[in-house]
Amino acid sequence: MIKYKEKRKKVWRQVITSLCGYNVEIIKSKSPEFQNFKGKIEDETAKMLKLNINNKKIWVQKKSQIFRIEFEDGTKTRIDGKILEGTPEKRLKRKTKNW
């Protein structure tokens, strides 16, 4: 069984890369119309994610959402959008706090 710190490091290594291509679900949102959306991340800017949901392209703000992201290895993790803010290059430079 993977210890919590090891799992957190593994997830952080995946989060600092580009998120394009991962399956995502919006668990919690300030906007009720985005709640429980499931789709695939197509594009990413510093503050927004472009999701493909049933062949519809929707731009969603990162900051006001809580996401469940499924990575390539099948790992699913719950991430606050505030952690995802910034481009992958800037996330790489950022130091993590306990989250």
PDB file of N, CA and C in Angstrom:
ATOM      1  N   MET A   1       0.840  -1.177   0.000  1.00  0.00           N
ATOM      2  CA  MET A   1       0.000   0.000   0.000  1.00  0.00           C
ATOM      3  C   MET A   1       0.887   1.243   0.000  1.00  0.00           C
ATOM      4  N   ILE A   2       0.528   2.213  -0.815  1.00  0.00           N
ATOM      5  CA  ILE A   2       1.321   3.431  -0.931  1.00  0.00           C
ATOM      6  C   ILE A   2       1.014   4.348   0.251  1.00  0.00           C
ATOM      7  N   LYS A   3       2.061   4.857   0.860  1.00  0.00           N
ATOM      8  CA  LYS A   3       1.874   5.786   1.964  1.00  0.00           C
ATOM      9  C   LYS A   3       1.372   7.117   1.426  1.00  0.00           C
ATOM     10  N   TYR A   4       0.774   7.913   2.309  1.00  0.00           N
ATOM     11  CA  TYR A   4       0.157   9.167   1.913  1.00  0.00           C
ATOM     12  C   TYR A   4       1.156  10.115   1.265  1.00  0.00           C
ATOM     13  N   LYS A   5       2.339  10.311   1.864  1.00  0.00           N
ATOM     14  CA  LYS A   5       3.322  11.239   1.311  1.00  0.00           C
ATOM     15  C   LYS A   5       3.805  10.793  -0.063  1.00  0.00           C
ATOM     16  N   GLU A   6       4.013   9.498  -0.222  1.00  0.00           N
ATOM     17  CA  GLU A   6       4.452   8.975  -1.513  1.00  0.00           C
ATOM     18  C   GLU A   6       3.380   9.191  -2.580  1.00  0.00           C
ATOM     19  N   LYS A   7       2.128   8.963  -2.205  1.00  0.00           N
ATOM     20  CA  LYS A   7       1.022   9.164  -3.145  1.00  0.00           C
ATOM     21  C   LYS A   7       0.919  10.631  -3.532  1.00  0.00           C
ATOM     22  N   ARG A   8       1.076  11.525  -2.558  1.00  0.00           N
ATOM     23  CA  ARG A   8       0.993  12.957  -2.826  1.00  0.00           C
ATOM     24  C   ARG A   8       2.095  13.394  -3.788  1.00  0.00           C
ATOM     25  N   LYS A   9       3.310  12.869  -3.596  1.00  0.00           N
ATOM     26  CA  LYS A   9       4.412  13.202  -4.496  1.00  0.00           C
ATOM     27  C   LYS A   9       4.135  12.700  -5.909  1.00  0.00           C
ATOM     28  N   LYS A  10       3.605  11.488  -6.011  1.00  0.00           N
ATOM     29  CA  LYS A  10       3.301  10.906  -7.307  1.00  0.00           C
ATOM     30  C   LYS A  10       2.237  11.738  -8.035  1.00  0.00           C
ATOM     31  N   VAL A  11       1.199  12.136  -7.317  1.00  0.00           N
ATOM     32  CA  VAL A  11       0.132  12.942  -7.904  1.00  0.00           C
ATOM     33  C   VAL A  11       0.680  14.297  -8.319  1.00  0.00           C
ATOM     34  N   TRP A  12       1.524  14.902  -7.485  1.00  0.00           N
ATOM     35  CA  TRP A  12       2.075  16.219  -7.813  1.00  0.00           C
ATOM     36  C   TRP A  12       2.921  16.147  -9.081  1.00  0.00           C
ATOM     37  N   ARG A  13       3.690  15.080  -9.263  1.00  0.00           N
ATOM     38  CA  ARG A  13       4.493  14.935 -10.479  1.00  0.00           C
ATOM     39  C   ARG A  13       3.597  14.877 -11.715  1.00  0.00           C
ATOM     40  N   GLN A  14       2.413  14.288 -11.580  1.00  0.00           N
ATOM     41  CA  GLN A  14       1.495  14.223 -12.713  1.00  0.00           C
ATOM     42  C   GLN A  14       0.794  15.560 -12.933  1.00  0.00           C
ATOM     43  N   VAL A  15       0.518  16.290 -11.869  1.00  0.00           N
ATOM     44  CA  VAL A  15      -0.196  17.562 -11.968  1.00  0.00           C
ATOM     45  C   VAL A  15       0.678  18.648 -12.585  1.00  0.00           C
ATOM     46  N   ILE A  16       1.991  18.610 -12.345  1.00  0.00           N
ATOM     47  CA  ILE A  16       2.845  19.674 -12.884  1.00  0.00           C
ATOM     48  C   ILE A  16       3.032  19.545 -14.391  1.00  0.00           C
ATOM     49  N   THR A  17       2.704  18.408 -14.959  1.00  0.00           N
ATOM     50  CA  THR A  17       2.765  18.267 -16.412  1.00  0.00           C
ATOM     51  C   THR A  17       1.455  18.789 -17.011  1.00  0.00           C
ATOM     52  N   SER A  18       1.376  18.783 -18.316  1.00  0.00           N
ATOM     53  CA  SER A  18       0.148  19.212 -18.978  1.00  0.00           C
ATOM     54  C   SER A  18      -0.993  18.257 -18.630  1.00  0.00           C
ATOM     55  N   LEU A  19      -2.168  18.788 -18.443  1.00  0.00           N
ATOM     56  CA  LEU A  19      -3.328  17.988 -18.055  1.00  0.00           C
ATOM     57  C   LEU A  19      -4.137  17.506 -19.260  1.00  0.00           C
ATOM     58  N   CYS A  20      -3.734  17.878 -20.449  1.00  0.00           N
ATOM     59  CA  CYS A  20      -4.487  17.531 -21.655  1.00  0.00           C
ATOM     60  C   CYS A  20      -4.559  16.015 -21.831  1.00  0.00           C
ATOM     61  N   GLY A  21      -5.748  15.540 -22.127  1.00  0.00           N
ATOM     62  CA  GLY A  21      -5.959  14.120 -22.380  1.00  0.00           C
ATOM     63  C   GLY A  21      -6.484  13.335 -21.194  1.00  0.00           C
ATOM     64  N   TYR A  22      -6.467  13.913 -20.014  1.00  0.00           N
ATOM     65  CA  TYR A  22      -6.947  13.200 -18.829  1.00  0.00           C
ATOM     66  C   TYR A  22      -8.459  13.314 -18.714  1.00  0.00           C
ATOM     67  N   ASN A  23      -9.088  12.272 -18.177  1.00  0.00           N
ATOM     68  CA  ASN A  23     -10.517  12.315 -17.877  1.00  0.00           C
ATOM     69  C   ASN A  23     -10.706  13.091 -16.585  1.00  0.00           C
ATOM     70  N   VAL A  24     -11.760  13.886 -16.539  1.00  0.00           N
ATOM     71  CA  VAL A  24     -11.987  14.741 -15.386  1.00  0.00           C
ATOM     72  C   VAL A  24     -13.472  14.785 -15.050  1.00  0.00           C
ATOM     73  N   GLU A  25     -13.754  14.959 -13.777  1.00  0.00           N
ATOM     74  CA  GLU A  25     -15.120  15.155 -13.296  1.00  0.00           C
ATOM     75  C   GLU A  25     -15.095  16.359 -12.370  1.00  0.00           C
ATOM     76  N   ILE A  26     -16.070  17.247 -12.517  1.00  0.00           N
ATOM     77  CA  ILE A  26     -16.178  18.390 -11.615  1.00  0.00           C
ATOM     78  C   ILE A  26     -17.038  17.954 -10.443  1.00  0.00           C
ATOM     79  N   ILE A  27     -16.426  17.874  -9.267  1.00  0.00           N
ATOM     80  CA  ILE A  27     -17.130  17.402  -8.080  1.00  0.00           C
ATOM     81  C   ILE A  27     -17.909  18.528  -7.419  1.00  0.00           C
ATOM     82  N   LYS A  28     -17.252  19.666  -7.293  1.00  0.00           N
ATOM     83  CA  LYS A  28     -17.868  20.799  -6.614  1.00  0.00           C
ATOM     84  C   LYS A  28     -17.563  22.057  -7.405  1.00  0.00           C
ATOM     85  N   SER A  29     -18.547  22.940  -7.499  1.00  0.00           N
ATOM     86  CA  SER A  29     -18.377  24.143  -8.289  1.00  0.00           C
ATOM     87  C   SER A  29     -19.179  25.287  -7.680  1.00  0.00           C
ATOM     88  N   LYS A  30     -18.673  26.501  -7.858  1.00  0.00           N
ATOM     89  CA  LYS A  30     -19.446  27.669  -7.433  1.00  0.00           C
ATOM     90  C   LYS A  30     -20.639  27.876  -8.351  1.00  0.00           C
ATOM     91  N   SER A  31     -20.519  27.426  -9.600  1.00  0.00           N
ATOM     92  CA  SER A  31     -21.616  27.504 -10.554  1.00  0.00           C
ATOM     93  C   SER A  31     -22.339  26.164 -10.589  1.00  0.00           C
ATOM     94  N   PRO A  32     -23.590  26.112 -10.170  1.00  0.00           N
ATOM     95  CA  PRO A  32     -24.296  24.831 -10.103  1.00  0.00           C
ATOM     96  C   PRO A  32     -24.426  24.117 -11.451  1.00  0.00           C
ATOM     97  N   GLU A  33     -24.396  24.842 -12.573  1.00  0.00           N
ATOM     98  CA  GLU A  33     -24.547  24.182 -13.873  1.00  0.00           C
ATOM     99  C   GLU A  33     -23.335  23.331 -14.252  1.00  0.00           C
ATOM    100  N   PHE A  34     -22.175  23.560 -13.632  1.00  0.00           N
ATOM    101  CA  PHE A  34     -20.980  22.771 -13.917  1.00  0.00           C
ATOM    102  C   PHE A  34     -20.849  21.541 -13.028  1.00  0.00           C
ATOM    103  N   GLN A  35     -21.629  21.450 -11.987  1.00  0.00           N
ATOM    104  CA  GLN A  35     -21.515  20.349 -11.029  1.00  0.00           C
ATOM    105  C   GLN A  35     -21.766  19.007 -11.718  1.00  0.00           C
ATOM    106  N   ASN A  36     -20.937  18.019 -11.402  1.00  0.00           N
ATOM    107  CA  ASN A  36     -21.031  16.645 -11.903  1.00  0.00           C
ATOM    108  C   ASN A  36     -20.813  16.500 -13.410  1.00  0.00           C
ATOM    109  N   PHE A  37     -20.146  17.472 -14.043  1.00  0.00           N
ATOM    110  CA  PHE A  37     -19.764  17.317 -15.446  1.00  0.00           C
ATOM    111  C   PHE A  37     -18.615  16.329 -15.531  1.00  0.00           C
ATOM    112  N   LYS A  38     -18.663  15.445 -16.529  1.00  0.00           N
ATOM    113  CA  LYS A  38     -17.582  14.490 -16.773  1.00  0.00           C
ATOM    114  C   LYS A  38     -17.145  14.643 -18.221  1.00  0.00           C
ATOM    115  N   GLY A  39     -15.843  14.643 -18.427  1.00  0.00           N
ATOM    116  CA  GLY A  39     -15.342  14.766 -19.787  1.00  0.00           C
ATOM    117  C   GLY A  39     -13.842  14.603 -19.836  1.00  0.00           C
ATOM    118  N   LYS A  40     -13.269  15.037 -20.940  1.00  0.00           N
ATOM    119  CA  LYS A  40     -11.835  14.924 -21.166  1.00  0.00           C
ATOM    120  C   LYS A  40     -11.263  16.327 -21.332  1.00  0.00           C
ATOM    121  N   ILE A  41     -10.083  16.556 -20.758  1.00  0.00           N
ATOM    122  CA  ILE A  41      -9.422  17.852 -20.883  1.00  0.00           C
ATOM    123  C   ILE A  41      -8.782  17.926 -22.262  1.00  0.00           C
ATOM    124  N   GLU A  42      -9.153  18.959 -23.025  1.00  0.00           N
ATOM    125  CA  GLU A  42      -8.609  19.135 -24.372  1.00  0.00           C
ATOM    126  C   GLU A  42      -7.520  20.190 -24.423  1.00  0.00           C
ATOM    127  N   ASP A  43      -7.683  21.252 -23.642  1.00  0.00           N
ATOM    128  CA  ASP A  43      -6.722  22.348 -23.681  1.00  0.00           C
ATOM    129  C   ASP A  43      -6.664  22.978 -22.306  1.00  0.00           C
ATOM    130  N   GLU A  44      -5.591  23.723 -22.076  1.00  0.00           N
ATOM    131  CA  GLU A  44      -5.381  24.320 -20.763  1.00  0.00           C
ATOM    132  C   GLU A  44      -4.693  25.668 -20.925  1.00  0.00           C
ATOM    133  N   THR A  45      -5.197  26.664 -20.212  1.00  0.00           N
ATOM    134  CA  THR A  45      -4.506  27.939 -20.095  1.00  0.00           C
ATOM    135  C   THR A  45      -4.157  28.115 -18.620  1.00  0.00           C
ATOM    136  N   ALA A  46      -3.627  29.274 -18.265  1.00  0.00           N
ATOM    137  CA  ALA A  46      -3.224  29.484 -16.874  1.00  0.00           C
ATOM    138  C   ALA A  46      -4.409  29.415 -15.920  1.00  0.00           C
ATOM    139  N   LYS A  47      -5.581  29.874 -16.364  1.00  0.00           N
ATOM    140  CA  LYS A  47      -6.722  29.942 -15.448  1.00  0.00           C
ATOM    141  C   LYS A  47      -7.940  29.144 -15.886  1.00  0.00           C
ATOM    142  N   MET A  48      -7.876  28.522 -17.065  1.00  0.00           N
ATOM    143  CA  MET A  48      -9.050  27.826 -17.603  1.00  0.00           C
ATOM    144  C   MET A  48      -8.684  26.440 -18.134  1.00  0.00           C
ATOM    145  N   LEU A  49      -9.685  25.558 -18.136  1.00  0.00           N
ATOM    146  CA  LEU A  49      -9.574  24.244 -18.768  1.00  0.00           C
ATOM    147  C   LEU A  49     -10.651  24.135 -19.845  1.00  0.00           C
ATOM    148  N   LYS A  50     -10.281  23.605 -20.993  1.00  0.00           N
ATOM    149  CA  LYS A  50     -11.255  23.342 -22.046  1.00  0.00           C
ATOM    150  C   LYS A  50     -11.611  21.868 -21.968  1.00  0.00           C
ATOM    151  N   LEU A  51     -12.886  21.592 -21.679  1.00  0.00           N
ATOM    152  CA  LEU A  51     -13.354  20.222 -21.518  1.00  0.00           C
ATOM    153  C   LEU A  51     -14.199  19.802 -22.712  1.00  0.00           C
ATOM    154  N   ASN A  52     -14.074  18.548 -23.104  1.00  0.00           N
ATOM    155  CA  ASN A  52     -14.925  17.955 -24.123  1.00  0.00           C
ATOM    156  C   ASN A  52     -15.935  17.088 -23.388  1.00  0.00           C
ATOM    157  N   ILE A  53     -17.178  17.552 -23.339  1.00  0.00           N
ATOM    158  CA  ILE A  53     -18.243  16.842 -22.638  1.00  0.00           C
ATOM    159  C   ILE A  53     -19.329  16.524 -23.665  1.00  0.00           C
ATOM    160  N   ASN A  54     -19.466  15.246 -24.001  1.00  0.00           N
ATOM    161  CA  ASN A  54     -20.445  14.801 -25.006  1.00  0.00           C
ATOM    162  C   ASN A  54     -20.308  15.582 -26.312  1.00  0.00           C
ATOM    163  N   ASN A  55     -19.071  15.723 -26.797  1.00  0.00           N
ATOM    164  CA  ASN A  55     -18.739  16.442 -28.031  1.00  0.00           C
ATOM    165  C   ASN A  55     -19.084  17.924 -27.984  1.00  0.00           C
ATOM    166  N   LYS A  56     -19.233  18.483 -26.813  1.00  0.00           N
ATOM    167  CA  LYS A  56     -19.399  19.924 -26.639  1.00  0.00           C
ATOM    168  C   LYS A  56     -18.145  20.451 -25.959  1.00  0.00           C
ATOM    169  N   LYS A  57     -17.641  21.580 -26.449  1.00  0.00           N
ATOM    170  CA  LYS A  57     -16.452  22.189 -25.871  1.00  0.00           C
ATOM    171  C   LYS A  57     -16.883  23.237 -24.847  1.00  0.00           C
ATOM    172  N   ILE A  58     -16.413  23.082 -23.619  1.00  0.00           N
ATOM    173  CA  ILE A  58     -16.791  23.992 -22.539  1.00  0.00           C
ATOM    174  C   ILE A  58     -15.521  24.479 -21.846  1.00  0.00           C
ATOM    175  N   TRP A  59     -15.412  25.794 -21.664  1.00  0.00           N
ATOM    176  CA  TRP A  59     -14.301  26.377 -20.911  1.00  0.00           C
ATOM    177  C   TRP A  59     -14.738  26.525 -19.464  1.00  0.00           C
ATOM    178  N   VAL A  60     -13.915  26.025 -18.544  1.00  0.00           N
ATOM    179  CA  VAL A  60     -14.230  26.039 -17.119  1.00  0.00           C
ATOM    180  C   VAL A  60     -13.070  26.691 -16.376  1.00  0.00           C
ATOM    181  N   GLN A  61     -13.408  27.562 -15.447  1.00  0.00           N
ATOM    182  CA  GLN A  61     -12.389  28.204 -14.636  1.00  0.00           C
ATOM    183  C   GLN A  61     -11.817  27.205 -13.636  1.00  0.00           C
ATOM    184  N   LYS A  62     -10.499  27.201 -13.462  1.00  0.00           N
ATOM    185  CA  LYS A  62      -9.863  26.257 -12.538  1.00  0.00           C
ATOM    186  C   LYS A  62     -10.131  26.629 -11.085  1.00  0.00           C
ATOM    187  N   LYS A  63     -10.045  27.905 -10.788  1.00  0.00           N
ATOM    188  CA  LYS A  63     -10.037  28.371  -9.400  1.00  0.00           C
ATOM    189  C   LYS A  63     -11.299  28.020  -8.620  1.00  0.00           C
ATOM    190  N   SER A  64     -12.440  28.046  -9.248  1.00  0.00           N
ATOM    191  CA  SER A  64     -13.699  27.895  -8.518  1.00  0.00           C
ATOM    192  C   SER A  64     -14.265  26.472  -8.542  1.00  0.00           C
ATOM    193  N   GLN A  65     -13.430  25.486  -8.850  1.00  0.00           N
ATOM    194  CA  GLN A  65     -13.906  24.112  -8.961  1.00  0.00           C
ATOM    195  C   GLN A  65     -13.060  23.165  -8.114  1.00  0.00           C
ATOM    196  N   ILE A  66     -13.629  22.013  -7.815  1.00  0.00           N
ATOM    197  CA  ILE A  66     -12.875  20.893  -7.266  1.00  0.00           C
ATOM    198  C   ILE A  66     -13.051  19.750  -8.262  1.00  0.00           C
ATOM    199  N   PHE A  67     -11.926  19.203  -8.722  1.00  0.00           N
ATOM    200  CA  PHE A  67     -11.918  18.212  -9.780  1.00  0.00           C
ATOM    201  C   PHE A  67     -11.537  16.835  -9.260  1.00  0.00           C
ATOM    202  N   ARG A  68     -12.024  15.806  -9.927  1.00  0.00           N
ATOM    203  CA  ARG A  68     -11.514  14.444  -9.759  1.00  0.00           C
ATOM    204  C   ARG A  68     -10.897  14.092 -11.109  1.00  0.00           C
ATOM    205  N   ILE A  69      -9.576  13.899 -11.103  1.00  0.00           N
ATOM    206  CA  ILE A  69      -8.844  13.637 -12.335  1.00  0.00           C
ATOM    207  C   ILE A  69      -8.387  12.187 -12.337  1.00  0.00           C
ATOM    208  N   GLU A  70      -8.589  11.530 -13.476  1.00  0.00           N
ATOM    209  CA  GLU A  70      -8.113  10.169 -13.655  1.00  0.00           C
ATOM    210  C   GLU A  70      -6.880  10.216 -14.547  1.00  0.00           C
ATOM    211  N   PHE A  71      -5.742   9.781 -14.003  1.00  0.00           N
ATOM    212  CA  PHE A  71      -4.483   9.816 -14.729  1.00  0.00           C
ATOM    213  C   PHE A  71      -4.319   8.560 -15.578  1.00  0.00           C
ATOM    214  N   GLU A  72      -3.241   8.528 -16.390  1.00  0.00           N
ATOM    215  CA  GLU A  72      -3.012   7.431 -17.337  1.00  0.00           C
ATOM    216  C   GLU A  72      -2.922   6.069 -16.662  1.00  0.00           C
ATOM    217  N   ASP A  73      -2.364   6.042 -15.453  1.00  0.00           N
ATOM    218  CA  ASP A  73      -2.193   4.753 -14.767  1.00  0.00           C
ATOM    219  C   ASP A  73      -3.446   4.297 -14.031  1.00  0.00           C
ATOM    220  N   GLY A  74      -4.557   5.028 -14.186  1.00  0.00           N
ATOM    221  CA  GLY A  74      -5.814   4.655 -13.545  1.00  0.00           C
ATOM    222  C   GLY A  74      -6.027   5.292 -12.188  1.00  0.00           C
ATOM    223  N   THR A  75      -5.038   6.023 -11.695  1.00  0.00           N
ATOM    224  CA  THR A  75      -5.153   6.700 -10.411  1.00  0.00           C
ATOM    225  C   THR A  75      -6.173   7.827 -10.518  1.00  0.00           C
ATOM    226  N   LYS A  76      -7.115   7.863  -9.582  1.00  0.00           N
ATOM    227  CA  LYS A  76      -8.076   8.963  -9.521  1.00  0.00           C
ATOM    228  C   LYS A  76      -7.762   9.770  -8.277  1.00  0.00           C
ATOM    229  N   THR A  77      -7.729  11.074  -8.422  1.00  0.00           N
ATOM    230  CA  THR A  77      -7.439  11.925  -7.280  1.00  0.00           C
ATOM    231  C   THR A  77      -8.300  13.175  -7.322  1.00  0.00           C
ATOM    232  N   ARG A  78      -8.598  13.680  -6.156  1.00  0.00           N
ATOM    233  CA  ARG A  78      -9.422  14.865  -5.997  1.00  0.00           C
ATOM    234  C   ARG A  78      -8.493  16.056  -5.791  1.00  0.00           C
ATOM    235  N   ILE A  79      -8.624  17.083  -6.634  1.00  0.00           N
ATOM    236  CA  ILE A  79      -7.714  18.226  -6.595  1.00  0.00           C
ATOM    237  C   ILE A  79      -8.511  19.516  -6.637  1.00  0.00           C
ATOM    238  N   ASP A  80      -8.137  20.437  -5.748  1.00  0.00           N
ATOM    239  CA  ASP A  80      -8.723  21.775  -5.757  1.00  0.00           C
ATOM    240  C   ASP A  80      -8.163  22.535  -6.953  1.00  0.00           C
ATOM    241  N   GLY A  81      -9.008  23.261  -7.648  1.00  0.00           N
ATOM    242  CA  GLY A  81      -8.582  24.004  -8.830  1.00  0.00           C
ATOM    243  C   GLY A  81      -7.541  25.062  -8.544  1.00  0.00           C
ATOM    244  N   LYS A  82      -7.483  25.555  -7.304  1.00  0.00           N
ATOM    245  CA  LYS A  82      -6.473  26.558  -6.951  1.00  0.00           C
ATOM    246  C   LYS A  82      -5.070  25.995  -7.136  1.00  0.00           C
ATOM    247  N   ILE A  83      -4.900  24.711  -6.883  1.00  0.00           N
ATOM    248  CA  ILE A  83      -3.602  24.058  -7.045  1.00  0.00           C
ATOM    249  C   ILE A  83      -3.239  23.950  -8.526  1.00  0.00           C
ATOM    250  N   LEU A  84      -4.245  23.818  -9.376  1.00  0.00           N
ATOM    251  CA  LEU A  84      -4.011  23.657 -10.809  1.00  0.00           C
ATOM    252  C   LEU A  84      -3.762  24.970 -11.532  1.00  0.00           C
ATOM    253  N   GLU A  85      -3.970  26.098 -10.871  1.00  0.00           N
ATOM    254  CA  GLU A  85      -3.796  27.389 -11.539  1.00  0.00           C
ATOM    255  C   GLU A  85      -2.368  27.572 -12.007  1.00  0.00           C
ATOM    256  N   GLY A  86      -2.229  28.206 -13.151  1.00  0.00           N
ATOM    257  CA  GLY A  86      -0.927  28.460 -13.749  1.00  0.00           C
ATOM    258  C   GLY A  86      -0.651  27.475 -14.866  1.00  0.00           C
ATOM    259  N   THR A  87       0.290  27.823 -15.704  1.00  0.00           N
ATOM    260  CA  THR A  87       0.690  26.934 -16.784  1.00  0.00           C
ATOM    261  C   THR A  87       1.540  25.805 -16.207  1.00  0.00           C
ATOM    262  N   PRO A  88       1.698  24.704 -16.931  1.00  0.00           N
ATOM    263  CA  PRO A  88       2.530  23.617 -16.408  1.00  0.00           C
ATOM    264  C   PRO A  88       3.951  24.074 -16.061  1.00  0.00           C
ATOM    265  N   GLU A  89       4.488  25.022 -16.832  1.00  0.00           N
ATOM    266  CA  GLU A  89       5.831  25.520 -16.558  1.00  0.00           C
ATOM    267  C   GLU A  89       5.896  26.230 -15.209  1.00  0.00           C
ATOM    268  N   LYS A  90       4.861  26.992 -14.896  1.00  0.00           N
ATOM    269  CA  LYS A  90       4.839  27.705 -13.615  1.00  0.00           C
ATOM    270  C   LYS A  90       4.536  26.765 -12.458  1.00  0.00           C
ATOM    271  N   ARG A  91       3.710  25.730 -12.704  1.00  0.00           N
ATOM    272  CA  ARG A  91       3.440  24.751 -11.649  1.00  0.00           C
ATOM    273  C   ARG A  91       4.699  23.969 -11.300  1.00  0.00           C
ATOM    274  N   LEU A  92       5.555  23.762 -12.295  1.00  0.00           N
ATOM    275  CA  LEU A  92       6.809  23.053 -12.071  1.00  0.00           C
ATOM    276  C   LEU A  92       7.707  23.819 -11.096  1.00  0.00           C
ATOM    277  N   LYS A  93       7.721  25.140 -11.184  1.00  0.00           N
ATOM    278  CA  LYS A  93       8.556  25.978 -10.325  1.00  0.00           C
ATOM    279  C   LYS A  93       7.970  26.169  -8.940  1.00  0.00           C
ATOM    280  N   ARG A  94       6.654  26.002  -8.812  1.00  0.00           N
ATOM    281  CA  ARG A  94       5.973  26.248  -7.551  1.00  0.00           C
ATOM    282  C   ARG A  94       6.285  25.152  -6.541  1.00  0.00           C
ATOM    283  N   LYS A  95       6.472  25.551  -5.309  1.00  0.00           N
ATOM    284  CA  LYS A  95       6.664  24.572  -4.245  1.00  0.00           C
ATOM    285  C   LYS A  95       5.307  24.217  -3.681  1.00  0.00           C
ATOM    286  N   THR A  96       5.157  22.968  -3.267  1.00  0.00           N
ATOM    287  CA  THR A  96       3.870  22.518  -2.759  1.00  0.00           C
ATOM    288  C   THR A  96       3.783  22.745  -1.258  1.00  0.00           C
ATOM    289  N   LYS A  97       2.580  23.040  -0.834  1.00  0.00           N
ATOM    290  CA  LYS A  97       2.281  23.074   0.589  1.00  0.00           C
ATOM    291  C   LYS A  97       1.587  21.760   0.909  1.00  0.00           C
ATOM    292  N   ASN A  98       1.309  21.539   2.151  1.00  0.00           N
ATOM    293  CA  ASN A  98       0.545  20.337   2.499  1.00  0.00           C
ATOM    294  C   ASN A  98      -0.888  20.521   2.034  1.00  0.00           C
ATOM    295  N   TRP A  99      -1.282  19.732   1.095  1.00  0.00           N
ATOM    296  CA  TRP A  99      -2.637  19.812   0.564  1.00  0.00           C
ATOM    297  C   TRP A  99      -3.239  18.494   0.599  1.00  0.00           C
TER     298      TRP A  99
END
